[in-house]
């Protein structure tokens, strides 16, 4: 049975439209998409590829160790 892994991703709106997205726990794992959903679909594929290459080389599979929190400030 395949292992299910979960990773936090960061999506940032691009100036020209769409989104760029990266995975802080997986160095170099980045993608983009014309829409929010497309960016998520693309990064899911990039994560799968990143993990497959890591397995091929016998590297450890990192866990998602990123903490997120919204911080409010007043001006």
Protein backbone atom coordinates (compact mmCIF):
# COMPACT_ATOMS: atom_id res chain seq x y z
CA UNK A 1 0.00 0.00 0.00
CA UNK A 2 1.49 3.37 -0.98
CA UNK A 3 2.55 5.77 1.73
CA UNK A 4 0.61 9.06 1.87
CA UNK A 5 2.73 12.08 2.64
CA UNK A 6 1.64 15.66 3.25
CA UNK A 7 3.74 18.77 2.59
CA UNK A 8 3.06 22.44 3.23
CA UNK A 9 3.39 24.54 0.08
CA UNK A 10 3.69 28.29 -0.39
CA UNK A 11 1.73 29.90 -3.21
CA UNK A 12 2.56 33.42 -4.31
CA UNK A 13 0.63 35.42 -6.90
CA UNK A 14 2.78 36.27 -9.93
CA UNK A 15 2.91 39.82 -11.27
CA UNK A 16 1.86 38.59 -14.71
CA UNK A 17 -0.98 36.44 -13.36
CA UNK A 18 -1.08 32.92 -12.06
CA UNK A 19 0.89 31.58 -9.12
CA UNK A 20 4.35 30.34 -8.33
CA UNK A 21 4.56 27.65 -5.67
CA UNK A 22 7.33 25.95 -3.72
CA UNK A 23 7.81 23.37 -0.98
CA UNK A 24 10.04 24.66 1.86
CA UNK A 25 10.74 21.11 3.12
CA UNK A 26 11.93 19.91 -0.32
CA UNK A 27 14.77 22.16 -1.54
CA UNK A 28 14.41 23.07 -5.20
CA UNK A 29 10.87 21.73 -5.52
CA UNK A 30 9.09 24.56 -7.32
CA UNK A 31 6.36 24.97 -9.93
CA UNK A 32 3.76 27.42 -11.20
CA UNK A 33 0.30 27.55 -12.71
CA UNK A 34 -2.07 29.93 -14.44
CA UNK A 35 -4.63 29.41 -11.67
CA UNK A 36 -4.50 28.52 -7.98
CA UNK A 37 -5.76 24.99 -8.70
CA UNK A 38 -3.36 24.48 -11.61
CA UNK A 39 -0.45 25.56 -9.40
CA UNK A 40 -1.54 23.01 -6.75
CA UNK A 41 -1.87 20.26 -9.35
CA UNK A 42 1.55 21.10 -10.79
CA UNK A 43 3.31 21.18 -7.42
CA UNK A 44 1.73 17.84 -6.50
CA UNK A 45 3.35 16.38 -9.63
CA UNK A 46 6.67 18.10 -8.80
CA UNK A 47 6.59 16.70 -5.24
CA UNK A 48 5.97 13.20 -6.56
CA UNK A 49 8.92 13.55 -8.95
CA UNK A 50 11.17 14.99 -6.22
CA UNK A 51 10.36 12.07 -3.92
CA UNK A 52 10.81 9.44 -6.66
CA UNK A 53 14.30 10.76 -7.44
CA UNK A 54 15.18 10.81 -3.73
CA UNK A 55 14.08 7.16 -3.46
CA UNK A 56 16.09 6.17 -6.54
CA UNK A 57 19.23 7.61 -4.95
CA UNK A 58 18.48 6.12 -1.54
CA UNK A 59 18.07 9.54 0.08
CA UNK A 60 15.93 10.05 3.16
CA UNK A 61 12.38 11.25 2.50
CA UNK A 62 11.96 14.49 4.46
CA UNK A 63 8.87 15.19 6.49
CA UNK A 64 7.08 18.51 6.29
CA UNK A 65 8.65 20.46 9.12
CA UNK A 66 7.25 23.87 8.21
CA UNK A 67 5.11 25.76 10.69
CA UNK A 68 2.72 28.42 9.45
CA UNK A 69 1.00 31.17 11.35
CA UNK A 70 -0.78 34.35 10.33
CA UNK A 71 0.50 37.42 12.17
CA UNK A 72 -1.55 40.60 12.37
CA UNK A 73 0.03 44.03 12.71
CA UNK A 74 -1.40 47.52 12.91
CA UNK A 75 -0.10 50.57 11.09
